[in-house]
Amino acid sequence: MPELQTHITVTSLVSADDAAAFREISEAWISRLFSVTTDDRRLLDDPLGQIVEPGGDVLLARAVSGGVVGCVALLPHREGVFELAKMGVSPEAQGSGVGRRLIAAAIERAPQLGGRLVFLGSHSSLRAALHLYEAAGFTRITREQLPVDDYYARADTFMRLELG
């Protein structure tokens, strides 16, 4: 499976099928590890209205076959601040570099949307994801250092990345 990374493209969500793939991949990992919250449902049920239209983006990793094998969202907060959220890779594509490609694409996309800072919240049990974030340049911060007031209770590890 390691060769998959060179056979994917990362593009923005544009269609109802893309939205369905984003919801399916995100729901799968969230429900396997945690539980889907009302906040999750709001974003997953309407990514165009809740993420894209307010100035964010949802990036999808597509295999050569056209199937979506991973996703990540850039949620807009206040001016210049984005949250990296809902990153997931389908089980059959895990370990193939798709997550690394998605993070790199999100870091590249955020400044195009006006981003100066990207932050995220994760869970300490998700060691592989935390390693990917740190390898991409994210540094750990405390909950009090988050640029938002209210945040997912399930998150216990927080990171940020200042952009160029």
N, C-alpha and C. Protein backbone atom coordinates (compact mmCIF):
# COMPACT_ATOMS: atom_id res chain seq x y z
N MET A 1 0.80 -1.21 0.00
CA MET A 1 0.00 0.00 0.00
C MET A 1 0.84 1.28 0.00
N PRO A 2 2.11 1.32 0.38
CA PRO A 2 2.87 2.57 0.41
C PRO A 2 2.89 3.32 -0.91
N GLU A 3 2.70 2.65 -2.03
CA GLU A 3 2.74 3.33 -3.32
C GLU A 3 1.51 4.20 -3.57
N LEU A 4 0.47 4.09 -2.77
CA LEU A 4 -0.76 4.85 -3.00
C LEU A 4 -0.50 6.36 -2.98
N GLN A 5 0.41 6.83 -2.13
CA GLN A 5 0.65 8.26 -2.00
C GLN A 5 0.95 8.91 -3.34
N THR A 6 1.68 8.25 -4.20
CA THR A 6 2.03 8.82 -5.49
C THR A 6 0.89 8.71 -6.50
N HIS A 7 -0.15 7.99 -6.15
CA HIS A 7 -1.26 7.79 -7.07
C HIS A 7 -2.53 8.48 -6.60
N ILE A 8 -2.40 9.51 -5.80
CA ILE A 8 -3.59 10.26 -5.38
C ILE A 8 -3.45 11.72 -5.78
N THR A 9 -4.59 12.36 -5.87
CA THR A 9 -4.64 13.81 -6.05
C THR A 9 -5.46 14.37 -4.90
N VAL A 10 -5.18 15.60 -4.53
CA VAL A 10 -5.94 16.26 -3.47
C VAL A 10 -6.66 17.44 -4.10
N THR A 11 -7.98 17.44 -3.97
CA THR A 11 -8.81 18.49 -4.55
C THR A 11 -9.83 18.96 -3.52
N SER A 12 -10.42 20.11 -3.79
CA SER A 12 -11.45 20.66 -2.91
C SER A 12 -12.79 19.98 -3.15
N LEU A 13 -13.59 19.95 -2.12
CA LEU A 13 -14.96 19.44 -2.18
C LEU A 13 -15.79 20.37 -3.06
N VAL A 14 -16.50 19.78 -4.03
CA VAL A 14 -17.32 20.60 -4.92
C VAL A 14 -18.71 20.04 -5.18
N SER A 15 -18.97 18.80 -4.85
CA SER A 15 -20.25 18.19 -5.23
C SER A 15 -20.91 17.48 -4.05
N ALA A 16 -22.15 17.08 -4.28
CA ALA A 16 -22.88 16.31 -3.27
C ALA A 16 -22.18 14.97 -3.00
N ASP A 17 -21.62 14.36 -4.04
CA ASP A 17 -20.89 13.10 -3.86
C ASP A 17 -19.65 13.33 -2.99
N ASP A 18 -18.96 14.46 -3.21
CA ASP A 18 -17.80 14.79 -2.38
C ASP A 18 -18.22 14.96 -0.93
N ALA A 19 -19.33 15.66 -0.71
CA ALA A 19 -19.83 15.89 0.65
C ALA A 19 -20.17 14.56 1.32
N ALA A 20 -20.75 13.64 0.56
CA ALA A 20 -21.10 12.32 1.11
C ALA A 20 -19.85 11.55 1.48
N ALA A 21 -18.80 11.63 0.67
CA ALA A 21 -17.54 10.95 0.97
C ALA A 21 -16.90 11.54 2.22
N PHE A 22 -16.91 12.86 2.36
CA PHE A 22 -16.39 13.54 3.55
C PHE A 22 -17.13 13.07 4.79
N ARG A 23 -18.45 13.04 4.71
CA ARG A 23 -19.27 12.59 5.85
C ARG A 23 -18.97 11.13 6.19
N GLU A 24 -18.91 10.28 5.19
CA GLU A 24 -18.71 8.84 5.42
C GLU A 24 -17.36 8.56 6.09
N ILE A 25 -16.30 9.14 5.55
CA ILE A 25 -14.96 8.91 6.13
C ILE A 25 -14.88 9.48 7.54
N SER A 26 -15.40 10.68 7.73
CA SER A 26 -15.34 11.31 9.05
C SER A 26 -16.18 10.57 10.08
N GLU A 27 -17.40 10.22 9.71
CA GLU A 27 -18.27 9.49 10.64
C GLU A 27 -17.66 8.15 11.03
N ALA A 28 -17.02 7.49 10.09
CA ALA A 28 -16.44 6.17 10.37
C ALA A 28 -15.41 6.24 11.47
N TRP A 29 -14.44 7.17 11.38
CA TRP A 29 -13.40 7.19 12.41
C TRP A 29 -13.91 7.80 13.71
N ILE A 30 -14.77 8.81 13.62
CA ILE A 30 -15.28 9.42 14.86
C ILE A 30 -16.11 8.40 15.64
N SER A 31 -17.01 7.71 14.97
CA SER A 31 -17.87 6.75 15.67
C SER A 31 -17.10 5.53 16.15
N ARG A 32 -16.00 5.19 15.47
CA ARG A 32 -15.19 4.05 15.92
C ARG A 32 -14.41 4.40 17.20
N LEU A 33 -13.95 5.65 17.31
CA LEU A 33 -13.10 6.05 18.43
C LEU A 33 -13.82 6.84 19.52
N PHE A 34 -14.85 7.57 19.15
CA PHE A 34 -15.55 8.46 20.08
C PHE A 34 -17.04 8.31 19.83
N SER A 35 -17.75 9.42 19.87
CA SER A 35 -19.14 9.43 19.42
C SER A 35 -19.36 10.72 18.64
N VAL A 36 -20.21 10.64 17.65
CA VAL A 36 -20.50 11.78 16.79
C VAL A 36 -21.36 12.77 17.58
N THR A 37 -20.89 14.01 17.70
CA THR A 37 -21.59 15.03 18.48
C THR A 37 -22.49 15.88 17.58
N THR A 38 -23.28 16.73 18.22
CA THR A 38 -24.11 17.68 17.48
C THR A 38 -23.24 18.59 16.62
N ASP A 39 -22.11 19.04 17.15
CA ASP A 39 -21.19 19.89 16.38
C ASP A 39 -20.63 19.14 15.17
N ASP A 40 -20.25 17.87 15.37
CA ASP A 40 -19.79 17.05 14.25
C ASP A 40 -20.88 16.98 13.18
N ARG A 41 -22.07 16.66 13.61
CA ARG A 41 -23.20 16.46 12.69
C ARG A 41 -23.47 17.74 11.88
N ARG A 42 -23.39 18.90 12.53
CA ARG A 42 -23.63 20.18 11.84
C ARG A 42 -22.66 20.34 10.67
N LEU A 43 -21.38 20.05 10.90
CA LEU A 43 -20.37 20.18 9.85
C LEU A 43 -20.49 19.10 8.79
N LEU A 44 -20.71 17.86 9.22
CA LEU A 44 -20.74 16.75 8.29
C LEU A 44 -21.98 16.73 7.41
N ASP A 45 -23.09 17.24 7.93
CA ASP A 45 -24.33 17.26 7.16
C ASP A 45 -24.37 18.38 6.13
N ASP A 46 -23.56 19.42 6.31
CA ASP A 46 -23.60 20.56 5.39
C ASP A 46 -22.20 21.19 5.26
N PRO A 47 -21.22 20.46 4.72
CA PRO A 47 -19.87 21.02 4.64
C PRO A 47 -19.78 22.25 3.73
N LEU A 48 -20.59 22.30 2.68
CA LEU A 48 -20.54 23.49 1.82
C LEU A 48 -21.03 24.72 2.59
N GLY A 49 -22.15 24.60 3.26
CA GLY A 49 -22.72 25.74 3.99
C GLY A 49 -21.97 26.09 5.27
N GLN A 50 -21.45 25.08 5.95
CA GLN A 50 -20.82 25.31 7.25
C GLN A 50 -19.31 25.55 7.19
N ILE A 51 -18.66 25.09 6.13
CA ILE A 51 -17.20 25.19 6.04
C ILE A 51 -16.78 26.02 4.82
N VAL A 52 -17.23 25.63 3.64
CA VAL A 52 -16.75 26.25 2.41
C VAL A 52 -17.29 27.67 2.24
N GLU A 53 -18.61 27.85 2.33
CA GLU A 53 -19.20 29.17 2.10
C GLU A 53 -18.69 30.24 3.07
N PRO A 54 -18.44 29.91 4.35
CA PRO A 54 -17.88 30.93 5.25
C PRO A 54 -16.40 31.23 5.02
N GLY A 55 -15.76 30.55 4.05
CA GLY A 55 -14.38 30.87 3.72
C GLY A 55 -13.37 29.78 3.97
N GLY A 56 -13.82 28.58 4.32
CA GLY A 56 -12.91 27.46 4.53
C GLY A 56 -12.85 26.54 3.33
N ASP A 57 -12.39 25.33 3.56
CA ASP A 57 -12.29 24.36 2.47
C ASP A 57 -12.31 22.96 3.06
N VAL A 58 -12.72 22.02 2.26
CA VAL A 58 -12.62 20.60 2.57
C VAL A 58 -11.79 19.99 1.46
N LEU A 59 -10.69 19.36 1.82
CA LEU A 59 -9.81 18.75 0.85
C LEU A 59 -10.01 17.24 0.87
N LEU A 60 -10.06 16.66 -0.33
CA LEU A 60 -10.29 15.23 -0.47
C LEU A 60 -9.13 14.59 -1.21
N ALA A 61 -8.64 13.48 -0.69
CA ALA A 61 -7.61 12.70 -1.37
C ALA A 61 -8.33 11.66 -2.22
N ARG A 62 -8.02 11.69 -3.52
CA ARG A 62 -8.68 10.79 -4.47
C ARG A 62 -7.66 9.81 -5.05
N ALA A 63 -8.04 8.55 -5.07
CA ALA A 63 -7.22 7.53 -5.71
C ALA A 63 -7.37 7.66 -7.22
N VAL A 64 -6.50 7.01 -7.96
CA VAL A 64 -6.55 7.04 -9.43
C VAL A 64 -7.94 6.63 -9.92
N SER A 65 -8.56 5.71 -9.21
CA SER A 65 -9.89 5.23 -9.58
C SER A 65 -10.96 6.31 -9.42
N GLY A 66 -10.61 7.40 -8.72
CA GLY A 66 -11.57 8.48 -8.48
C GLY A 66 -12.21 8.39 -7.12
N GLY A 67 -12.05 7.26 -6.45
CA GLY A 67 -12.63 7.11 -5.12
C GLY A 67 -11.91 7.95 -4.09
N VAL A 68 -12.67 8.50 -3.15
CA VAL A 68 -12.10 9.32 -2.08
C VAL A 68 -11.55 8.40 -0.99
N VAL A 69 -10.27 8.60 -0.64
CA VAL A 69 -9.62 7.75 0.37
C VAL A 69 -9.21 8.54 1.62
N GLY A 70 -9.46 9.86 1.62
CA GLY A 70 -9.13 10.65 2.79
C GLY A 70 -9.69 12.05 2.67
N CYS A 71 -9.74 12.75 3.82
CA CYS A 71 -10.29 14.10 3.83
C CYS A 71 -9.73 14.89 4.99
N VAL A 72 -9.79 16.20 4.86
CA VAL A 72 -9.45 17.12 5.94
C VAL A 72 -10.17 18.43 5.68
N ALA A 73 -10.59 19.10 6.75
CA ALA A 73 -11.28 20.37 6.61
C ALA A 73 -10.43 21.50 7.18
N LEU A 74 -10.56 22.66 6.57
CA LEU A 74 -10.01 23.90 7.11
C LEU A 74 -11.21 24.76 7.51
N LEU A 75 -11.49 24.80 8.81
CA LEU A 75 -12.64 25.55 9.31
C LEU A 75 -12.22 26.98 9.60
N PRO A 76 -12.91 27.96 9.00
CA PRO A 76 -12.56 29.35 9.28
C PRO A 76 -13.08 29.77 10.66
N HIS A 77 -12.24 30.47 11.37
CA HIS A 77 -12.66 31.06 12.65
C HIS A 77 -12.55 32.57 12.47
N ARG A 78 -11.90 33.25 13.35
CA ARG A 78 -11.75 34.70 13.13
C ARG A 78 -10.76 34.94 12.00
N GLU A 79 -10.63 36.17 11.57
CA GLU A 79 -9.80 36.50 10.41
C GLU A 79 -8.39 35.92 10.53
N GLY A 80 -8.00 35.15 9.50
CA GLY A 80 -6.66 34.60 9.43
C GLY A 80 -6.44 33.34 10.25
N VAL A 81 -7.47 32.85 10.93
CA VAL A 81 -7.33 31.68 11.81
C VAL A 81 -8.21 30.54 11.30
N PHE A 82 -7.57 29.40 11.07
CA PHE A 82 -8.27 28.22 10.59
C PHE A 82 -8.00 27.05 11.52
N GLU A 83 -8.97 26.17 11.61
CA GLU A 83 -8.83 24.93 12.36
C GLU A 83 -8.68 23.78 11.37
N LEU A 84 -7.66 22.97 11.55
CA LEU A 84 -7.50 21.74 10.79
C LEU A 84 -8.38 20.71 11.50
N ALA A 85 -9.37 20.17 10.80
CA ALA A 85 -10.36 19.32 11.47
C ALA A 85 -10.81 18.18 10.56
N LYS A 86 -11.40 17.21 11.19
CA LYS A 86 -12.03 16.08 10.49
C LYS A 86 -11.08 15.39 9.51
N MET A 87 -9.81 15.26 9.92
CA MET A 87 -8.89 14.54 9.04
C MET A 87 -9.11 13.05 9.23
N GLY A 88 -9.34 12.36 8.14
CA GLY A 88 -9.53 10.92 8.20
C GLY A 88 -9.05 10.27 6.92
N VAL A 89 -8.58 9.05 7.07
CA VAL A 89 -8.13 8.26 5.93
C VAL A 89 -8.84 6.91 6.01
N SER A 90 -9.37 6.45 4.89
CA SER A 90 -10.08 5.17 4.88
C SER A 90 -9.13 4.06 5.33
N PRO A 91 -9.65 3.04 6.00
CA PRO A 91 -8.80 1.97 6.52
C PRO A 91 -7.87 1.35 5.47
N GLU A 92 -8.36 1.16 4.25
CA GLU A 92 -7.54 0.51 3.23
C GLU A 92 -6.39 1.39 2.75
N ALA A 93 -6.45 2.70 3.02
CA ALA A 93 -5.39 3.61 2.58
C ALA A 93 -4.48 4.06 3.72
N GLN A 94 -4.78 3.65 4.95
CA GLN A 94 -3.95 4.06 6.08
C GLN A 94 -2.55 3.48 5.95
N GLY A 95 -1.55 4.28 6.36
CA GLY A 95 -0.16 3.85 6.28
C GLY A 95 0.47 4.05 4.92
N SER A 96 -0.26 4.70 4.01
CA SER A 96 0.26 4.86 2.65
C SER A 96 0.69 6.29 2.34
N GLY A 97 0.69 7.18 3.32
CA GLY A 97 1.11 8.56 3.11
C GLY A 97 -0.02 9.51 2.76
N VAL A 98 -1.25 9.03 2.73
CA VAL A 98 -2.38 9.89 2.38
C VAL A 98 -2.56 10.99 3.43
N GLY A 99 -2.47 10.65 4.69
CA GLY A 99 -2.60 11.66 5.75
C GLY A 99 -1.55 12.75 5.63
N ARG A 100 -0.34 12.36 5.37
CA ARG A 100 0.75 13.32 5.19
C ARG A 100 0.45 14.26 4.02
N ARG A 101 -0.05 13.70 2.92
CA ARG A 101 -0.39 14.53 1.75
C ARG A 101 -1.53 15.49 2.08
N LEU A 102 -2.53 15.03 2.82
CA LEU A 102 -3.65 15.89 3.18
C LEU A 102 -3.20 17.06 4.06
N ILE A 103 -2.36 16.78 5.04
CA ILE A 103 -1.87 17.85 5.92
C ILE A 103 -1.06 18.86 5.11
N ALA A 104 -0.19 18.38 4.25
CA ALA A 104 0.62 19.29 3.42
C ALA A 104 -0.28 20.15 2.53
N ALA A 105 -1.30 19.54 1.95
CA ALA A 105 -2.22 20.28 1.08
C ALA A 105 -2.99 21.34 1.88
N ALA A 106 -3.39 21.00 3.10
CA ALA A 106 -4.11 21.96 3.95
C ALA A 106 -3.20 23.13 4.34
N ILE A 107 -1.95 22.84 4.66
CA ILE A 107 -1.00 23.90 5.01
C ILE A 107 -0.76 24.81 3.80
N GLU A 108 -0.73 24.24 2.63
CA GLU A 108 -0.56 25.03 1.40
C GLU A 108 -1.82 25.85 1.09
N ARG A 109 -2.97 25.28 1.35
CA ARG A 109 -4.25 25.93 1.02
C ARG A 109 -4.61 27.05 1.99
N ALA A 110 -4.30 26.92 3.27
CA ALA A 110 -4.72 27.91 4.27
C ALA A 110 -4.31 29.34 3.92
N PRO A 111 -3.06 29.62 3.52
CA PRO A 111 -2.72 31.00 3.17
C PRO A 111 -3.49 31.52 1.95
N GLN A 112 -3.86 30.63 1.04
CA GLN A 112 -4.66 31.03 -0.12
C GLN A 112 -6.05 31.52 0.31
N LEU A 113 -6.49 31.05 1.47
CA LEU A 113 -7.78 31.45 2.03
C LEU A 113 -7.63 32.64 2.99
N GLY A 114 -6.40 33.13 3.15
CA GLY A 114 -6.14 34.25 4.05
C GLY A 114 -5.63 33.83 5.41
N GLY A 115 -5.27 32.56 5.56
CA GLY A 115 -4.84 32.05 6.85
C GLY A 115 -3.43 32.46 7.24
N ARG A 116 -3.28 32.80 8.51
CA ARG A 116 -1.97 33.08 9.11
C ARG A 116 -1.64 32.07 10.21
N LEU A 117 -2.67 31.41 10.71
CA LEU A 117 -2.52 30.47 11.81
C LEU A 117 -3.48 29.30 11.59
N VAL A 118 -2.96 28.09 11.78
CA VAL A 118 -3.80 26.90 11.75
C VAL A 118 -3.63 26.21 13.09
N PHE A 119 -4.73 25.83 13.72
CA PHE A 119 -4.67 25.10 14.98
C PHE A 119 -5.48 23.83 14.87
N LEU A 120 -5.31 22.94 15.82
CA LEU A 120 -6.08 21.71 15.84
C LEU A 120 -6.18 21.17 17.25
N GLY A 121 -7.16 20.34 17.44
CA GLY A 121 -7.31 19.59 18.67
C GLY A 121 -7.42 18.13 18.30
N SER A 122 -6.75 17.29 19.06
CA SER A 122 -6.77 15.86 18.79
C SER A 122 -6.84 15.13 20.13
N HIS A 123 -6.56 13.86 20.09
CA HIS A 123 -6.57 13.06 21.32
C HIS A 123 -5.25 12.33 21.44
N SER A 124 -4.75 12.24 22.65
CA SER A 124 -3.44 11.62 22.90
C SER A 124 -3.38 10.16 22.45
N SER A 125 -4.52 9.50 22.32
CA SER A 125 -4.53 8.11 21.86
C SER A 125 -4.26 7.99 20.36
N LEU A 126 -4.35 9.09 19.63
CA LEU A 126 -4.16 9.07 18.18
C LEU A 126 -2.70 9.40 17.86
N ARG A 127 -1.82 8.52 18.30
CA ARG A 127 -0.37 8.78 18.20
C ARG A 127 0.12 8.99 16.77
N ALA A 128 -0.38 8.20 15.84
CA ALA A 128 0.07 8.34 14.44
C ALA A 128 -0.30 9.72 13.90
N ALA A 129 -1.52 10.18 14.19
CA ALA A 129 -1.94 11.49 13.72
C ALA A 129 -1.10 12.59 14.37
N LEU A 130 -0.87 12.48 15.66
CA LEU A 130 -0.06 13.49 16.36
C LEU A 130 1.35 13.56 15.77
N HIS A 131 1.89 12.40 15.45
CA HIS A 131 3.23 12.36 14.83
C HIS A 131 3.21 13.09 13.48
N LEU A 132 2.18 12.84 12.68
CA LEU A 132 2.07 13.51 11.38
C LEU A 132 1.98 15.03 11.55
N TYR A 133 1.18 15.49 12.50
CA TYR A 133 1.05 16.93 12.73
C TYR A 133 2.38 17.54 13.14
N GLU A 134 3.06 16.89 14.05
CA GLU A 134 4.36 17.41 14.49
C GLU A 134 5.39 17.38 13.37
N ALA A 135 5.39 16.34 12.55
CA ALA A 135 6.31 16.26 11.42
C ALA A 135 6.04 17.38 10.42
N ALA A 136 4.80 17.86 10.36
CA ALA A 136 4.43 18.94 9.45
C ALA A 136 4.74 20.32 10.02
N GLY A 137 5.19 20.37 11.28
CA GLY A 137 5.58 21.64 11.88
C GLY A 137 4.66 22.17 12.97
N PHE A 138 3.58 21.47 13.27
CA PHE A 138 2.71 21.90 14.35
C PHE A 138 3.42 21.73 15.69
N THR A 139 3.17 22.67 16.59
CA THR A 139 3.73 22.57 17.95
C THR A 139 2.60 22.50 18.96
N ARG A 140 2.85 21.83 20.06
CA ARG A 140 1.83 21.64 21.09
C ARG A 140 1.60 22.93 21.87
N ILE A 141 0.34 23.14 22.21
CA ILE A 141 -0.07 24.26 23.04
C ILE A 141 -1.05 23.72 24.08
N THR A 142 -1.42 24.57 25.03
CA THR A 142 -2.42 24.18 26.02
C THR A 142 -3.81 24.56 25.53
N ARG A 143 -4.82 24.01 26.17
CA ARG A 143 -6.21 24.36 25.83
C ARG A 143 -6.42 25.86 25.98
N GLU A 144 -5.79 26.46 26.99
CA GLU A 144 -5.94 27.89 27.22
C GLU A 144 -5.32 28.74 26.10
N GLN A 145 -4.40 28.17 25.36
CA GLN A 145 -3.77 28.90 24.26
C GLN A 145 -4.52 28.77 22.93
N LEU A 146 -5.58 28.00 22.92
CA LEU A 146 -6.39 27.87 21.70
C LEU A 146 -6.98 29.23 21.32
N PRO A 147 -7.07 29.53 20.03
CA PRO A 147 -7.63 30.82 19.61
C PRO A 147 -9.16 30.84 19.56
N VAL A 148 -9.80 29.88 20.21
CA VAL A 148 -11.26 29.82 20.29
C VAL A 148 -11.65 29.58 21.75
N ASP A 149 -12.85 29.97 22.10
CA ASP A 149 -13.29 29.83 23.49
C ASP A 149 -13.85 28.46 23.81
N ASP A 150 -14.66 27.92 22.91
CA ASP A 150 -15.32 26.65 23.16
C ASP A 150 -14.73 25.61 22.22
N TYR A 151 -14.40 24.43 22.75
CA TYR A 151 -13.78 23.44 21.90
C TYR A 151 -14.21 22.04 22.34
N TYR A 152 -14.09 21.08 21.43
CA TYR A 152 -14.50 19.70 21.69
C TYR A 152 -13.95 19.17 23.01
N ALA A 153 -14.82 18.65 23.83
CA ALA A 153 -14.39 18.08 25.11
C ALA A 153 -13.52 16.84 24.90
N ARG A 154 -13.71 16.11 23.81
CA ARG A 154 -12.94 14.88 23.59
C ARG A 154 -11.47 15.15 23.27
N ALA A 155 -11.14 16.37 22.86
CA ALA A 155 -9.75 16.70 22.53
C ALA A 155 -8.95 16.94 23.82
N ASP A 156 -7.76 16.35 23.87
CA ASP A 156 -6.88 16.57 25.02
C ASP A 156 -5.47 16.97 24.60
N THR A 157 -5.25 17.11 23.30
CA THR A 157 -3.95 17.52 22.76
C THR A 157 -4.22 18.61 21.72
N PHE A 158 -3.49 19.72 21.85
CA PHE A 158 -3.75 20.89 21.01
C PHE A 158 -2.45 21.32 20.36
N MET A 159 -2.56 21.81 19.12
CA MET A 159 -1.38 22.22 18.36
C MET A 159 -1.71 23.44 17.53
N ARG A 160 -0.64 24.12 17.11
CA ARG A 160 -0.80 25.27 16.23
C ARG A 160 0.38 25.35 15.27
N LEU A 161 0.15 26.04 14.16
CA LEU A 161 1.19 26.26 13.17
C LEU A 161 1.02 27.68 12.64
N GLU A 162 2.05 28.50 12.82
CA GLU A 162 2.07 29.84 12.25
C GLU A 162 2.46 29.70 10.78
N LEU A 163 1.75 30.37 9.90
CA LEU A 163 2.02 30.27 8.46
C LEU A 163 2.83 31.48 8.00
N GLY A 164 3.81 31.20 7.14
CA GLY A 164 4.70 32.15 6.51
C GLY A 164 4.59 33.53 6.94
